[in-house]
Amino acid sequence: MVQVQEIPLNQIRRPLPRQNDQEKVKALMASIAEIGQQEPIDVLEVEGLYYGFSGCHRYEACQRLGKDTILARVRKAPQSVLKMHIA
């Protein structure tokens, strides 16, 4: 079951480093500042910890805007699913 909820940014682990397009991040920052975050990011919840693999630009935009939370679709998953994402 997937739930959409506000998650504290500092609780989301991002195990796969990504290089973000800074122009896209700036555009998202302007949009989020003006109308709010429209599209949630996707996170896995494994044993009470959150892992983000997508939504990198939205994540960085919210971070740089100084937001404490981000809107996320949360899917509970076992360790085996997390391992598949990291492999």
C-alpha atoms as a PDB file:
ATOM      1  CA  MET A   1       0.000   0.000   0.000  1.00  0.00           C
ATOM      2  CA  VAL A   2       1.289   3.444  -0.943  1.00  0.00           C
ATOM      3  CA  GLN A   3       0.639   6.509   1.207  1.00  0.00           C
ATOM      4  CA  VAL A   4       1.374  10.144   0.347  1.00  0.00           C
ATOM      5  CA  GLN A   5       2.727  12.052   3.334  1.00  0.00           C
ATOM      6  CA  GLU A   6       5.162  14.759   4.396  1.00  0.00           C
ATOM      7  CA  ILE A   7       8.530  13.249   5.361  1.00  0.00           C
ATOM      8  CA  PRO A   8      11.370  15.156   7.076  1.00  0.00           C
ATOM      9  CA  LEU A   9      14.113  15.714   4.479  1.00  0.00           C
ATOM     10  CA  ASN A  10      16.810  14.780   6.989  1.00  0.00           C
ATOM     11  CA  GLN A  11      15.245  11.312   7.443  1.00  0.00           C
ATOM     12  CA  ILE A  12      15.551  10.329   3.772  1.00  0.00           C
ATOM     13  CA  ARG A  13      18.661   8.371   2.890  1.00  0.00           C
ATOM     14  CA  ARG A  14      19.888   8.661  -0.693  1.00  0.00           C
ATOM     15  CA  PRO A  15      22.213   5.655  -1.205  1.00  0.00           C
ATOM     16  CA  LEU A  16      22.868   6.282  -4.913  1.00  0.00           C
ATOM     17  CA  PRO A  17      24.699   9.556  -5.629  1.00  0.00           C
ATOM     18  CA  ARG A  18      23.352  11.538  -8.579  1.00  0.00           C
ATOM     19  CA  GLN A  19      24.493  14.598 -10.492  1.00  0.00           C
ATOM     20  CA  ASN A  20      21.545  16.967 -10.774  1.00  0.00           C
ATOM     21  CA  ASP A  21      20.949  19.443 -13.595  1.00  0.00           C
ATOM     22  CA  GLN A  22      21.284  22.744 -11.712  1.00  0.00           C
ATOM     23  CA  GLU A  23      19.030  24.609 -14.185  1.00  0.00           C
ATOM     24  CA  LYS A  24      16.268  22.087 -13.529  1.00  0.00           C
ATOM     25  CA  VAL A  25      16.800  22.438  -9.758  1.00  0.00           C
ATOM     26  CA  LYS A  26      16.536  26.262 -10.031  1.00  0.00           C
ATOM     27  CA  ALA A  27      13.339  25.984 -12.102  1.00  0.00           C
ATOM     28  CA  LEU A  28      11.844  23.588  -9.537  1.00  0.00           C
ATOM     29  CA  MET A  29      12.871  25.896  -6.693  1.00  0.00           C
ATOM     30  CA  ALA A  30      10.985  28.773  -8.353  1.00  0.00           C
ATOM     31  CA  SER A  31       7.926  26.581  -8.973  1.00  0.00           C
ATOM     32  CA  ILE A  32       7.880  25.077  -5.465  1.00  0.00           C
ATOM     33  CA  ALA A  33       8.343  28.522  -3.896  1.00  0.00           C
ATOM     34  CA  GLU A  34       5.438  29.903  -5.950  1.00  0.00           C
ATOM     35  CA  ILE A  35       2.858  27.094  -6.024  1.00  0.00           C
ATOM     36  CA  GLY A  36       4.228  24.383  -3.734  1.00  0.00           C
ATOM     37  CA  GLN A  37       5.412  20.886  -4.532  1.00  0.00           C
ATOM     38  CA  GLN A  38       2.975  19.372  -7.037  1.00  0.00           C
ATOM     39  CA  GLU A  39       4.429  15.899  -7.544  1.00  0.00           C
ATOM     40  CA  PRO A  40       5.520  13.715  -4.595  1.00  0.00           C
ATOM     41  CA  ILE A  41       8.835  11.885  -4.698  1.00  0.00           C
ATOM     42  CA  ASP A  42       8.857   8.109  -4.219  1.00  0.00           C
ATOM     43  CA  VAL A  43      10.488   6.594  -1.142  1.00  0.00           C
ATOM     44  CA  LEU A  44      10.795   3.098   0.253  1.00  0.00           C
ATOM     45  CA  GLU A  45      10.228   2.600   3.967  1.00  0.00           C
ATOM     46  CA  VAL A  46      12.321  -0.312   5.192  1.00  0.00           C
ATOM     47  CA  GLU A  47      12.237  -1.100   8.915  1.00  0.00           C
ATOM     48  CA  GLY A  48      11.235   2.482   9.746  1.00  0.00           C
ATOM     49  CA  LEU A  49      13.946   4.103   7.590  1.00  0.00           C
ATOM     50  CA  TYR A  50      13.225   6.039   4.388  1.00  0.00           C
ATOM     51  CA  TYR A  51      15.221   5.547   1.180  1.00  0.00           C
ATOM     52  CA  GLY A  52      14.879   7.783  -1.864  1.00  0.00           C
ATOM     53  CA  PHE A  53      15.950   6.726  -5.350  1.00  0.00           C
ATOM     54  CA  SER A  54      13.964   9.097  -7.556  1.00  0.00           C
ATOM     55  CA  GLY A  55      12.894  12.736  -7.326  1.00  0.00           C
ATOM     56  CA  CYS A  56      16.502  13.890  -6.974  1.00  0.00           C
ATOM     57  CA  HIS A  57      15.825  17.337  -8.444  1.00  0.00           C
ATOM     58  CA  ARG A  58      12.719  17.897  -6.280  1.00  0.00           C
ATOM     59  CA  TYR A  59      14.647  16.685  -3.226  1.00  0.00           C
ATOM     60  CA  GLU A  60      17.534  19.118  -3.863  1.00  0.00           C
ATOM     61  CA  ALA A  61      15.121  21.975  -4.673  1.00  0.00           C
ATOM     62  CA  CYS A  62      13.277  21.514  -1.359  1.00  0.00           C
ATOM     63  CA  GLN A  63      16.584  21.214   0.475  1.00  0.00           C
ATOM     64  CA  ARG A  64      17.929  24.435  -1.048  1.00  0.00           C
ATOM     65  CA  LEU A  65      14.657  26.250  -0.257  1.00  0.00           C
ATOM     66  CA  GLY A  66      15.228  25.358   3.408  1.00  0.00           C
ATOM     67  CA  LYS A  67      12.145  23.179   3.673  1.00  0.00           C
ATOM     68  CA  ASP A  68      12.006  20.736   6.582  1.00  0.00           C
ATOM     69  CA  THR A  69       9.747  18.217   4.832  1.00  0.00           C
ATOM     70  CA  ILE A  70       8.982  16.901   1.363  1.00  0.00           C
ATOM     71  CA  LEU A  71       5.808  15.370  -0.040  1.00  0.00           C
ATOM     72  CA  ALA A  72       6.473  11.685  -0.710  1.00  0.00           C
ATOM     73  CA  ARG A  73       4.707   8.535  -1.857  1.00  0.00           C
ATOM     74  CA  VAL A  74       5.792   6.014   0.762  1.00  0.00           C
ATOM     75  CA  ARG A  75       5.880   2.314  -0.036  1.00  0.00           C
ATOM     76  CA  LYS A  76       6.727  -0.116   2.752  1.00  0.00           C
ATOM     77  CA  ALA A  77       9.171  -2.763   1.606  1.00  0.00           C
ATOM     78  CA  PRO A  78      11.341  -5.542   3.068  1.00  0.00           C
ATOM     79  CA  GLN A  79      15.159  -5.522   3.054  1.00  0.00           C
ATOM     80  CA  SER A  80      15.147  -7.738  -0.065  1.00  0.00           C
ATOM     81  CA  VAL A  81      13.481  -4.985  -2.138  1.00  0.00           C
ATOM     82  CA  LEU A  82      15.933  -2.385  -0.842  1.00  0.00           C
ATOM     83  CA  LYS A  83      18.857  -4.636  -1.802  1.00  0.00           C
ATOM     84  CA  MET A  84      17.495  -4.888  -5.364  1.00  0.00           C
ATOM     85  CA  HIS A  85      17.450  -1.080  -5.643  1.00  0.00           C
ATOM     86  CA  ILE A  86      21.005  -0.717  -4.350  1.00  0.00           C
ATOM     87  CA  ALA A  87      22.542  -3.634  -6.320  1.00  0.00           C
END
